[in-house]
Amino acid sequence: MPNLSELKQEKLRRLKFERYRDYEPTGIGEKFISTIGNGKHFISMFSAANGVGKTCVGANIMAHMLFPCGSKWFDYPLFNKWEFPKRARIITDPTTITSTIIPELRAWFPEGRYKTDKKGKNYDYYWTTDTGWQFEIMSYDQDPKEFESATIGLVWLDEPPPESVYKATVARMRRGGVMYITATPLTGSAWMYDHILANKDNQAGYRTYIEADVESACKTHGVRGFLEHKNIERMIAEYSEDEKQARVYGKFQHLIGLVFKQWDRKMHTLRPFNINNQEYCVYEMLDPHPRNPDAVLWVAVDRNLQKFVIDELYLKCEGGTEELAQRIKQKAEQYRVVRRLADPSAFIEDQHTGKSLATRLSHYGLHYLQATKARTNADRRIADALNYQKRGDELIVSPEVYIFDTCQRTIFEFEHYRWDEWTGKVRDKKDAKQKPIDKDDHMIENLGRCLIQEPRFEAVAIENGLDNRYDNSGVIGSVDDPYE
C-alpha cells in the first residue's frame, strides 16, 4: 500500500503529466459531455459564447475518449466502451491549429502516450496513441476531396465548418461513430442553424445541440464557473449589440436583424393537439403567387382568444386552380373554418377572362374576403402576439400565439424574416432601413392578416343537430360573412 509521500508524488505527477484526469467541467460543459457520452446522438453541437471554455471541453472529450481513466465526469457508455473505428479527425480554422488546438491537446493529453508526425505539414498533423487510436488535424481551407479518404469514427469540428467539409466528413463515417462541434456561431454559420438547430428531422438524424451563454462560466452565476462576474461585464460592454448574439449568448449571429426578436422556438412552438369544433374556430389565409409556391395558413382561436397556428400549405400547384382548391379543401375539412382571407392580388381580374383567382376558387366552394395590405401594422401585431414575460423559470405572461411544430414553413420564416440593411461603407452613413427584406415572408403575411383583424371565437350554434350557418364540414360556403 503506497504511503502518504508516494501518494503526494503520484498526485504531482498526474498534475504535471496527466492533467486530464483532474479536469472538472462547468455545469453546461458537463451537460455536453453527457450528451456525447450517452451515445444517443450522431451529431452534437456546443453553441457557445466566447470565453466559456468550449475548446477546453472539446480537447478533454478527445483526451478521455482516447485515454480512458475512469473520471466521474466521463463515466458514460461511449467513453467506457468505444465500438466504432479508432480513427479520429480534428478539423478547424487554419489560424487556430497551431495557436489553439495543438497547445490545448498537449496541455491535456497524458505525456509519453502519443506520438506526432508532421507528414509534410508545418505542424503536428498525424497523431497516434498507445491505446490504438490515430487521428489527423485538418483545416477548413483544404480541398473537400481531401476529407474523403479514410473511414473515421470520431470527429471534432472546432468552430463552424463550411458545409462542403461537413458533408464530406460525414460521408467517411459509414461504419458509425460520433461527431461533435464546438463553435461560437458567427457569420457564415447560417447553414448549420438550418441543418442542426432548426431541422425538423433532427430526431431521425440523431442531431442535437446545447447553447452556452457566457454566464454559464461565471463563478457567481454558473456551475463550477471560472470567470469573475466583473470581468464578464467589462467584456460584454465592449461588444456591439450585433456581436452579443454569438459572443455573449452563444446564439447564431445570422439571426441578427430578425424582425421578430421575441421569437423563441422553445417558447412559441407546441406539439399538435386535437382541434375540435366545439372549442376552436379556425381562420384560413391565402397568399397566392404566380411563380413562388402558394401559401395557405390555418389559425385556430379558442374561447379565451388564444391563437394557434395549426396547419399550413406551401406548394406550387402544377394543376392550376383546381389542384389548389383540392389541396386547400383536404386540409380545411379537418377544421371548423369560419372565415377565409386572401391577399388583394387574388382579387385582380385577368384581362382576358375577366375573372380573378378568388372568383375561380369560389366555383369550388372556397369563398374569400379581401385581406389588408397594411404590412407594417400587421408585423407590429405579430410582435405583440409573440410577447411573453418570465420571472426566472416561471412564465408570468404567456404568448398570445403558438405555432404547431409541424408548421415548418412558418417556423422557418420566423427564423429568417429579417430587416433590409445597407451594405458596405454606406451603412455607417445611413439611418437603418425601415422595411424588411421581401423574402421568406409568405406565412408571416398570412398570420399578420389574421391577427390584425382581431379574430374572435365563433361558437357553434346548434339547431337540429347542426349549425345552420355551416355545411356538414363546418366550413362556410356561400353563406354570408358571419361578421356582417
Protein backbone atom coordinates (compact mmCIF):
# COMPACT_ATOMS: atom_id res chain seq x y z
CA MET A 1 0.00 0.00 0.00
CA PRO A 2 1.53 3.37 -1.00
CA ASN A 3 2.45 5.71 1.82
CA LEU A 4 1.46 9.39 2.06
CA SER A 5 4.66 10.57 0.40
CA GLU A 6 4.14 8.26 -2.55
CA LEU A 7 0.54 9.41 -2.92
CA LYS A 8 1.68 13.03 -2.99
CA GLN A 9 4.30 12.21 -5.62
CA GLU A 10 1.69 10.45 -7.75
CA LYS A 11 -0.64 13.44 -7.40
CA LEU A 12 2.10 15.81 -8.50
CA ARG A 13 2.97 13.55 -11.42
CA ARG A 14 -0.62 13.48 -12.59
CA LEU A 15 -0.98 17.24 -12.26
CA LYS A 16 2.10 17.68 -14.42
CA PHE A 17 1.83 14.87 -16.94
CA GLU A 18 -1.84 13.75 -16.85
CA ARG A 19 -3.87 16.89 -16.20
CA TYR A 20 -6.92 15.48 -17.96
CA ARG A 21 -7.53 13.13 -15.01
CA ASP A 22 -8.39 16.12 -12.78
CA TYR A 23 -10.40 18.10 -15.31
CA GLU A 24 -13.73 19.41 -13.94
CA PRO A 25 -16.17 20.84 -16.49
CA THR A 26 -18.58 23.70 -15.90
CA GLY A 27 -22.21 22.74 -15.45
CA ILE A 28 -23.04 23.34 -19.10
CA GLY A 29 -19.83 21.58 -20.15
CA GLU A 30 -20.89 18.58 -18.07
CA LYS A 31 -24.22 18.54 -19.90
CA PHE A 32 -22.46 18.49 -23.28
CA ILE A 33 -20.11 15.70 -22.17
CA SER A 34 -23.05 13.59 -21.01
CA THR A 35 -24.88 14.24 -24.29
CA ILE A 36 -21.95 12.79 -26.22
CA GLY A 37 -21.13 10.06 -23.71
CA ASN A 38 -24.63 8.59 -23.70
CA GLY A 39 -24.13 7.76 -27.37
CA LYS A 40 -27.69 8.59 -28.40
CA HIS A 41 -26.74 11.22 -30.98
CA PHE A 42 -24.65 11.14 -34.12
CA ILE A 43 -24.12 14.93 -34.30
CA SER A 44 -23.84 17.06 -31.13
CA MET A 45 -23.21 20.81 -31.22
CA PHE A 46 -21.95 23.03 -28.40
CA SER A 47 -23.04 26.52 -29.49
CA ALA A 48 -21.11 28.60 -27.01
CA ALA A 49 -20.26 32.19 -26.20
CA ASN A 50 -16.68 33.39 -26.16
CA GLY A 51 -14.75 32.53 -23.02
CA VAL A 52 -16.80 29.60 -21.72
CA GLY A 53 -14.05 27.05 -22.40
CA LYS A 54 -15.55 25.28 -25.41
CA THR A 55 -12.14 24.35 -26.86
CA CYS A 56 -11.08 23.03 -23.46
CA VAL A 57 -14.22 20.89 -23.34
CA GLY A 58 -13.54 19.66 -26.86
CA ALA A 59 -9.94 18.74 -26.07
CA ASN A 60 -10.94 16.87 -22.91
CA ILE A 61 -13.63 14.91 -24.72
CA MET A 62 -10.92 13.83 -27.14
CA ALA A 63 -8.48 13.05 -24.29
CA HIS A 64 -10.94 10.91 -22.33
CA MET A 65 -12.11 9.13 -25.46
CA LEU A 66 -8.53 8.23 -26.46
CA PHE A 67 -7.17 7.65 -22.94
CA PRO A 68 -9.99 6.41 -20.64
CA CYS A 69 -9.08 6.91 -16.98
CA GLY A 70 -12.31 6.42 -15.04
CA SER A 71 -13.07 10.10 -14.39
CA LYS A 72 -16.54 10.54 -12.90
CA TRP A 73 -17.26 13.34 -15.37
CA PHE A 74 -16.78 10.93 -18.27
CA ASP A 75 -18.43 7.84 -16.81
CA TYR A 76 -20.71 7.20 -19.78
CA PRO A 77 -21.10 4.26 -22.19
CA LEU A 78 -19.25 5.81 -25.12
CA PHE A 79 -16.20 6.74 -23.04
CA ASN A 80 -16.14 3.39 -21.25
CA LYS A 81 -16.54 1.21 -24.33
CA TRP A 82 -15.79 2.57 -27.79
CA GLU A 83 -17.40 0.42 -30.50
CA PHE A 84 -16.52 2.36 -33.65
CA PRO A 85 -13.33 2.71 -35.72
CA LYS A 86 -10.45 4.08 -33.65
CA ARG A 87 -9.73 6.66 -36.30
CA ALA A 88 -10.44 10.31 -35.45
CA ARG A 89 -10.21 13.68 -37.11
CA ILE A 90 -10.00 17.22 -35.77
CA ILE A 91 -10.90 19.99 -38.20
CA THR A 92 -10.67 23.70 -37.53
CA ASP A 93 -9.81 27.09 -38.95
CA PRO A 94 -6.19 27.16 -40.21
CA THR A 95 -5.32 30.09 -37.94
CA THR A 96 -6.21 28.16 -34.77
CA ILE A 97 -4.40 24.87 -35.41
CA THR A 98 -1.04 25.97 -34.02
CA SER A 99 -2.28 28.79 -31.80
CA THR A 100 -5.11 26.98 -30.01
CA ILE A 101 -5.85 23.35 -30.88
CA ILE A 102 -2.39 21.78 -30.62
CA PRO A 103 -1.45 23.66 -27.40
CA GLU A 104 -4.79 22.61 -25.86
CA LEU A 105 -4.25 18.96 -26.80
CA ARG A 106 -0.71 18.95 -25.42
CA ALA A 107 -1.93 20.59 -22.22
CA TRP A 108 -4.42 17.78 -21.51
CA PHE A 109 -3.11 14.65 -23.24
CA PRO A 110 -1.06 12.35 -20.96
CA GLU A 111 2.62 12.88 -21.67
CA GLY A 112 4.53 9.99 -23.27
CA ARG A 113 1.42 8.18 -24.52
CA TYR A 114 1.18 9.63 -28.01
CA LYS A 115 3.39 10.38 -30.99
CA THR A 116 3.07 13.01 -33.70
CA ASP A 117 4.23 13.34 -37.30
CA LYS A 118 4.10 16.46 -39.46
CA LYS A 119 3.60 14.44 -42.68
CA GLY A 120 4.91 17.33 -44.75
CA LYS A 121 2.85 19.98 -42.93
CA ASN A 122 4.26 22.81 -40.85
CA TYR A 123 2.53 21.47 -37.72
CA ASP A 124 1.94 18.13 -35.97
CA TYR A 125 -0.57 16.72 -38.42
CA TYR A 126 -0.78 12.98 -37.69
CA TRP A 127 -1.14 11.62 -34.14
CA THR A 128 -1.07 8.04 -32.78
CA THR A 129 -1.68 6.80 -29.23
CA ASP A 130 -0.67 3.79 -27.17
CA THR A 131 -4.36 2.87 -26.98
CA GLY A 132 -4.57 2.12 -30.70
CA TRP A 133 -6.04 5.44 -31.88
CA GLN A 134 -4.86 7.55 -34.79
CA PHE A 135 -6.08 10.95 -35.93
CA GLU A 136 -5.14 13.90 -38.08
CA ILE A 137 -5.66 17.63 -37.65
CA MET A 138 -7.05 19.24 -40.80
CA SER A 139 -8.13 22.77 -41.72
CA TYR A 140 -11.24 24.19 -43.35
CA ASP A 141 -9.27 25.68 -46.22
CA GLN A 142 -8.28 22.25 -47.54
CA ASP A 143 -9.99 20.92 -50.65
CA PRO A 144 -13.17 18.98 -49.72
CA LYS A 145 -11.80 16.00 -51.66
CA GLU A 146 -9.03 15.67 -49.06
CA PHE A 147 -11.67 14.80 -46.48
CA GLU A 148 -12.97 11.83 -48.47
CA SER A 149 -10.21 9.29 -47.82
CA ALA A 150 -10.24 7.21 -44.63
CA THR A 151 -13.14 5.70 -42.72
CA ILE A 152 -13.37 7.52 -39.39
CA GLY A 153 -15.31 7.03 -36.16
CA LEU A 154 -14.75 10.24 -34.18
CA VAL A 155 -14.76 13.84 -35.42
CA TRP A 156 -14.28 17.13 -33.60
CA LEU A 157 -15.17 20.23 -35.60
CA ASP A 158 -13.86 23.34 -33.86
CA GLU A 159 -15.74 26.49 -34.98
CA PRO A 160 -18.37 26.46 -37.77
CA PRO A 161 -17.23 24.35 -40.75
CA PRO A 162 -18.02 25.00 -44.41
CA GLU A 163 -20.97 22.87 -45.45
CA SER A 164 -18.88 21.07 -48.08
CA VAL A 165 -16.33 19.97 -45.46
CA TYR A 166 -19.09 18.87 -43.10
CA LYS A 167 -20.79 16.72 -45.73
CA ALA A 168 -17.52 15.20 -46.96
CA THR A 169 -16.59 14.28 -43.39
CA VAL A 170 -19.98 12.76 -42.56
CA ALA A 171 -19.60 10.56 -45.65
CA ARG A 172 -16.47 8.98 -44.08
CA MET A 173 -18.42 7.77 -41.03
CA ARG A 174 -20.13 4.90 -42.82
CA ARG A 175 -19.30 2.44 -40.05
CA GLY A 176 -20.84 4.62 -37.36
CA GLY A 177 -19.34 7.00 -34.86
CA VAL A 178 -19.78 10.41 -33.28
CA MET A 179 -19.25 13.96 -34.49
CA TYR A 180 -19.19 16.89 -32.08
CA ILE A 181 -18.95 20.59 -32.88
CA THR A 182 -17.71 23.34 -30.57
CA ALA A 183 -18.39 26.77 -32.02
CA THR A 184 -19.19 30.40 -31.45
CA PRO A 185 -21.68 30.75 -34.33
CA LEU A 186 -20.57 33.91 -36.07
CA THR A 187 -21.12 34.99 -39.68
CA GLY A 188 -21.13 32.15 -42.21
CA SER A 189 -22.82 29.59 -39.99
CA ALA A 190 -26.41 30.02 -41.21
CA TRP A 191 -26.47 26.60 -42.90
CA MET A 192 -25.64 24.98 -39.54
CA TYR A 193 -28.63 26.64 -37.93
CA ASP A 194 -31.00 25.28 -40.56
CA HIS A 195 -29.41 21.82 -40.53
CA ILE A 196 -28.79 21.25 -36.83
CA LEU A 197 -30.91 23.62 -34.74
CA ALA A 198 -33.94 24.14 -36.96
CA ASN A 199 -34.10 20.80 -38.74
CA LYS A 200 -37.48 19.05 -38.34
CA ASP A 201 -35.71 15.70 -38.89
CA ASN A 202 -33.27 16.12 -36.00
CA GLN A 203 -34.67 13.12 -34.17
CA ALA A 204 -34.35 10.88 -37.22
CA GLY A 205 -30.88 12.29 -37.94
CA TYR A 206 -29.75 11.87 -34.33
CA ARG A 207 -28.71 15.52 -34.11
CA THR A 208 -28.81 17.70 -31.01
CA TYR A 209 -27.37 20.95 -29.66
CA ILE A 210 -26.65 22.78 -26.42
CA GLU A 211 -26.34 26.57 -26.09
CA ALA A 212 -23.98 28.10 -23.53
CA ASP A 213 -24.01 31.80 -22.67
CA VAL A 214 -21.04 33.49 -21.04
CA GLU A 215 -22.72 33.48 -17.61
CA SER A 216 -22.53 29.67 -17.62
CA ALA A 217 -18.80 30.11 -16.92
CA CYS A 218 -19.33 32.75 -14.21
CA LYS A 219 -18.07 31.98 -10.70
CA THR A 220 -21.14 33.67 -9.23
CA HIS A 221 -23.92 32.59 -11.57
CA GLY A 222 -22.59 29.45 -13.23
CA VAL A 223 -21.86 25.93 -12.00
CA ARG A 224 -18.13 25.37 -11.41
CA GLY A 225 -17.50 28.61 -13.28
CA PHE A 226 -14.08 30.19 -13.59
CA LEU A 227 -14.76 33.78 -14.76
CA GLU A 228 -15.21 36.73 -12.40
CA HIS A 229 -18.57 38.42 -12.98
CA LYS A 230 -16.99 41.89 -13.09
CA ASN A 231 -14.70 40.74 -15.91
CA ILE A 232 -17.67 39.32 -17.81
CA GLU A 233 -19.44 42.68 -17.52
CA ARG A 234 -16.37 44.52 -18.82
CA MET A 235 -16.08 42.14 -21.75
CA ILE A 236 -19.76 42.45 -22.67
CA ALA A 237 -19.54 46.25 -22.55
CA GLU A 238 -17.05 46.16 -25.43
CA TYR A 239 -19.32 44.17 -27.76
CA SER A 240 -21.81 45.74 -30.14
CA GLU A 241 -25.43 44.61 -29.93
CA ASP A 242 -24.88 42.54 -33.07
CA GLU A 243 -21.84 40.77 -31.62
CA LYS A 244 -23.59 39.91 -28.36
CA GLN A 245 -25.86 37.41 -30.09
CA ALA A 246 -22.99 34.97 -30.65
CA ARG A 247 -20.20 36.16 -28.37
CA VAL A 248 -22.29 36.59 -25.21
CA TYR A 249 -25.28 34.28 -25.65
CA GLY A 250 -23.84 31.56 -27.90
CA LYS A 251 -26.64 32.06 -30.42
CA PHE A 252 -26.30 32.17 -34.18
CA GLN A 253 -25.22 35.59 -35.41
CA HIS A 254 -27.05 35.21 -38.71
CA LEU A 255 -30.23 35.69 -36.65
CA ILE A 256 -29.19 39.30 -36.08
CA GLY A 257 -31.61 41.63 -37.79
CA LEU A 258 -34.62 39.39 -37.37
CA VAL A 259 -37.84 41.37 -37.44
CA PHE A 260 -39.34 39.37 -34.59
CA LYS A 261 -36.65 39.29 -31.93
CA GLN A 262 -39.16 37.95 -29.41
CA TRP A 263 -39.32 34.68 -31.34
CA ASP A 264 -38.08 31.66 -29.39
CA ARG A 265 -38.63 28.23 -30.89
CA LYS A 266 -38.74 26.56 -27.49
CA MET A 267 -41.30 29.05 -26.18
CA HIS A 268 -43.54 29.55 -29.21
CA THR A 269 -43.87 26.04 -30.66
CA LEU A 270 -46.11 23.22 -29.43
CA ARG A 271 -46.75 19.64 -30.36
CA PRO A 272 -50.06 19.35 -32.24
CA PHE A 273 -53.21 18.54 -30.30
CA ASN A 274 -56.81 17.93 -31.31
CA ILE A 275 -58.62 21.00 -32.68
CA ASN A 276 -62.28 20.13 -32.13
CA ASN A 277 -65.22 22.10 -33.49
CA GLN A 278 -66.70 22.94 -30.10
CA GLU A 279 -63.66 24.56 -28.52
CA TYR A 280 -61.98 26.12 -31.55
CA CYS A 281 -62.91 28.02 -34.66
CA VAL A 282 -60.41 28.36 -37.49
CA TYR A 283 -59.36 31.17 -39.82
CA GLU A 284 -57.83 30.44 -43.22
CA MET A 285 -55.47 32.83 -45.05
CA LEU A 286 -54.26 32.55 -48.66
CA ASP A 287 -51.22 34.24 -50.21
CA PRO A 288 -51.06 33.17 -53.89
CA HIS A 289 -48.10 33.70 -56.23
CA PRO A 290 -47.52 33.38 -59.97
CA ARG A 291 -44.00 31.87 -59.56
CA ASN A 292 -43.37 31.17 -55.87
CA PRO A 293 -45.35 28.46 -54.10
CA ASP A 294 -48.83 29.38 -52.92
CA ALA A 295 -49.04 29.80 -49.15
CA VAL A 296 -52.09 28.93 -47.03
CA LEU A 297 -52.25 29.18 -43.25
CA TRP A 298 -54.82 27.97 -40.73
CA VAL A 299 -55.10 29.69 -37.33
CA ALA A 300 -57.31 28.34 -34.54
CA VAL A 301 -58.88 30.60 -31.90
CA ASP A 302 -60.28 29.34 -28.60
CA ARG A 303 -62.79 30.89 -26.18
CA ASN A 304 -60.01 32.78 -24.39
CA LEU A 305 -58.84 34.29 -27.70
CA GLN A 306 -55.65 32.24 -27.58
CA LYS A 307 -54.36 31.71 -31.11
CA PHE A 308 -52.66 28.63 -32.54
CA VAL A 309 -51.08 28.26 -35.99
CA ILE A 310 -52.25 24.70 -36.60
CA ASP A 311 -51.66 23.94 -40.27
CA GLU A 312 -50.10 25.21 -43.46
CA LEU A 313 -49.87 24.52 -47.16
CA TYR A 314 -46.86 25.67 -49.15
CA LEU A 315 -46.58 24.30 -52.66
CA LYS A 316 -46.67 25.17 -56.33
CA CYS A 317 -49.80 23.63 -57.81
CA GLU A 318 -49.00 22.40 -61.31
CA GLY A 319 -52.67 21.57 -61.77
CA GLY A 320 -53.71 25.21 -61.51
CA THR A 321 -56.72 26.48 -59.59
CA GLU A 322 -58.43 23.10 -59.40
CA GLU A 323 -55.47 21.43 -57.70
CA LEU A 324 -55.03 24.39 -55.34
CA ALA A 325 -58.70 24.19 -54.36
CA GLN A 326 -58.50 20.44 -53.78
CA ARG A 327 -55.39 20.75 -51.62
CA ILE A 328 -56.95 23.53 -49.55
CA LYS A 329 -60.18 21.60 -49.03
CA GLN A 330 -58.28 18.46 -47.98
CA LYS A 331 -56.71 20.44 -45.16
CA ALA A 332 -59.72 22.61 -44.31
CA GLU A 333 -62.18 19.75 -43.92
CA GLN A 334 -60.42 18.84 -40.67
CA TYR A 335 -61.42 22.14 -39.08
CA ARG A 336 -64.39 24.45 -38.50
CA VAL A 337 -63.32 27.31 -40.76
CA VAL A 338 -65.32 30.47 -40.04
CA ARG A 339 -63.57 32.96 -42.29
CA ARG A 340 -61.27 32.96 -45.30
CA LEU A 341 -58.98 35.85 -46.21
CA ALA A 342 -56.79 36.25 -49.29
CA ASP A 343 -54.11 38.65 -50.45
CA PRO A 344 -55.53 41.52 -52.57
CA SER A 345 -53.70 40.07 -55.59
CA ALA A 346 -56.21 37.20 -55.57
CA PHE A 347 -58.95 39.68 -56.49
CA ILE A 348 -57.25 41.18 -59.55
CA GLU A 349 -59.25 40.23 -62.63
CA ASP A 350 -57.49 38.62 -65.57
CA GLN A 351 -57.63 40.99 -68.56
CA HIS A 352 -58.56 38.14 -70.90
CA THR A 353 -61.09 36.14 -68.86
CA GLY A 354 -62.35 38.90 -66.60
CA LYS A 355 -62.11 36.52 -63.65
CA SER A 356 -59.90 36.71 -60.58
CA LEU A 357 -58.36 33.82 -58.66
CA ALA A 358 -60.84 34.49 -55.86
CA THR A 359 -63.71 34.12 -58.33
CA ARG A 360 -62.31 30.87 -59.72
CA LEU A 361 -61.83 29.44 -56.22
CA SER A 362 -65.42 30.34 -55.35
CA HIS A 363 -66.55 27.87 -58.01
CA TYR A 364 -65.01 25.15 -55.81
CA GLY A 365 -66.83 26.35 -52.69
CA LEU A 366 -63.94 28.43 -51.33
CA HIS A 367 -65.14 31.98 -50.68
CA TYR A 368 -62.51 34.52 -49.64
CA LEU A 369 -62.67 38.08 -48.34
CA GLN A 370 -60.02 40.57 -49.39
CA ALA A 371 -57.30 40.97 -46.76
CA THR A 372 -55.42 44.11 -45.84
CA LYS A 373 -52.07 45.25 -47.23
CA ALA A 374 -51.19 47.13 -44.04
CA ARG A 375 -47.94 45.23 -43.65
CA THR A 376 -46.26 47.42 -41.04
CA ASN A 377 -49.26 47.28 -38.71
CA ALA A 378 -49.61 43.53 -39.32
CA ASP A 379 -45.97 42.92 -38.35
CA ARG A 380 -46.43 45.02 -35.24
CA ARG A 381 -49.49 42.96 -34.32
CA ILE A 382 -47.47 39.74 -34.69
CA ALA A 383 -44.76 41.16 -32.44
CA ASP A 384 -47.37 41.94 -29.78
CA ALA A 385 -48.76 38.41 -30.03
CA LEU A 386 -45.31 36.87 -29.55
CA ASN A 387 -44.54 38.83 -26.39
CA TYR A 388 -44.24 36.95 -23.12
CA GLN A 389 -42.81 37.58 -19.67
CA LYS A 390 -40.80 35.29 -17.43
CA ARG A 391 -39.57 35.66 -13.87
CA GLY A 392 -36.75 33.19 -13.53
CA ASP A 393 -38.12 29.92 -14.87
CA GLU A 394 -41.74 30.95 -14.18
CA LEU A 395 -43.87 32.13 -17.12
CA ILE A 396 -45.76 35.22 -15.93
CA VAL A 397 -47.42 36.25 -19.20
CA SER A 398 -47.79 33.66 -21.96
CA PRO A 399 -47.67 34.47 -25.69
CA GLU A 400 -50.93 35.18 -27.47
CA VAL A 401 -49.99 32.92 -30.36
CA TYR A 402 -48.35 29.49 -30.52
CA ILE A 403 -47.25 27.52 -33.59
CA PHE A 404 -47.63 23.77 -34.01
CA ASP A 405 -44.15 22.33 -34.54
CA THR A 406 -45.42 20.62 -37.69
CA CYS A 407 -45.78 24.02 -39.39
CA GLN A 408 -42.18 24.01 -40.58
CA ARG A 409 -42.53 26.71 -43.22
CA THR A 410 -43.99 29.15 -40.70
CA ILE A 411 -41.20 28.40 -38.23
CA PHE A 412 -38.60 28.79 -40.99
CA GLU A 413 -39.95 32.24 -41.84
CA PHE A 414 -39.88 33.42 -38.23
CA GLU A 415 -36.21 32.44 -38.15
CA HIS A 416 -35.29 34.05 -41.48
CA TYR A 417 -37.52 37.12 -41.88
CA ARG A 418 -35.03 39.97 -41.50
CA TRP A 419 -34.77 43.72 -41.84
CA ASP A 420 -33.18 45.01 -45.00
CA GLU A 421 -29.78 46.59 -44.34
CA TRP A 422 -27.42 48.95 -46.06
CA THR A 423 -24.13 47.32 -47.04
CA GLY A 424 -20.54 48.48 -47.27
CA LYS A 425 -19.43 51.98 -46.29
CA VAL A 426 -22.91 53.38 -46.89
CA ARG A 427 -24.10 51.51 -43.80
CA ASP A 428 -22.29 53.94 -41.49
CA LYS A 429 -23.80 56.98 -43.22
CA LYS A 430 -27.45 55.98 -43.39
CA ASP A 431 -30.22 55.50 -40.88
CA ALA A 432 -31.45 51.93 -40.64
CA LYS A 433 -33.88 50.87 -43.33
CA GLN A 434 -37.47 50.67 -42.15
CA LYS A 435 -38.63 47.74 -44.26
CA PRO A 436 -37.89 44.02 -44.04
CA ILE A 437 -36.42 42.08 -46.95
CA ASP A 438 -39.26 40.99 -49.23
CA LYS A 439 -38.37 37.32 -48.92
CA ASP A 440 -39.28 34.36 -46.71
CA ASP A 441 -42.43 36.10 -45.53
CA HIS A 442 -45.49 34.39 -47.03
CA MET A 443 -46.77 32.68 -43.89
CA ILE A 444 -45.79 35.77 -41.91
CA GLU A 445 -48.06 37.82 -44.17
CA ASN A 446 -50.87 35.35 -43.67
CA LEU A 447 -50.54 35.40 -39.89
CA GLY A 448 -50.36 39.19 -39.79
CA ARG A 449 -53.53 39.49 -41.85
CA CYS A 450 -55.29 37.19 -39.44
CA LEU A 451 -54.17 38.91 -36.25
CA ILE A 452 -54.72 42.47 -37.44
CA GLN A 453 -58.44 41.81 -37.84
CA GLU A 454 -58.58 40.68 -34.17
CA PRO A 455 -60.19 37.28 -34.81
CA ARG A 456 -62.96 36.28 -32.43
CA PHE A 457 -64.11 32.93 -31.21
CA GLU A 458 -67.25 31.84 -33.06
CA ALA A 459 -69.27 29.28 -31.10
CA VAL A 460 -71.18 26.51 -32.85
CA ALA A 461 -74.87 27.47 -32.86
CA ILE A 462 -76.78 24.19 -32.57
CA GLU A 463 -80.12 23.85 -34.32
CA ASN A 464 -81.49 20.43 -35.24
CA GLY A 465 -78.07 18.99 -34.51
CA LEU A 466 -76.22 21.33 -36.88
CA ASP A 467 -75.14 24.92 -37.01
CA ASN A 468 -77.43 26.28 -39.70
CA ARG A 469 -74.73 28.59 -40.98
CA TYR A 470 -72.42 25.72 -41.89
CA ASP A 471 -72.41 22.71 -44.15
CA ASN A 472 -71.58 19.27 -42.75
CA SER A 473 -67.87 20.05 -42.64
CA GLY A 474 -68.40 23.21 -40.63
CA VAL A 475 -66.82 25.28 -43.40
CA ILE A 476 -68.50 28.43 -44.58
CA GLY A 477 -69.56 28.01 -48.17
CA SER A 478 -71.72 30.51 -49.98
CA VAL A 479 -73.31 31.83 -46.81
CA ASP A 480 -72.92 35.42 -45.74
CA ASP A 481 -69.86 36.52 -43.80
CA PRO A 482 -70.62 35.74 -40.12
CA TYR A 483 -69.06 39.06 -39.09
CA GLU A 484 -71.51 41.10 -41.10
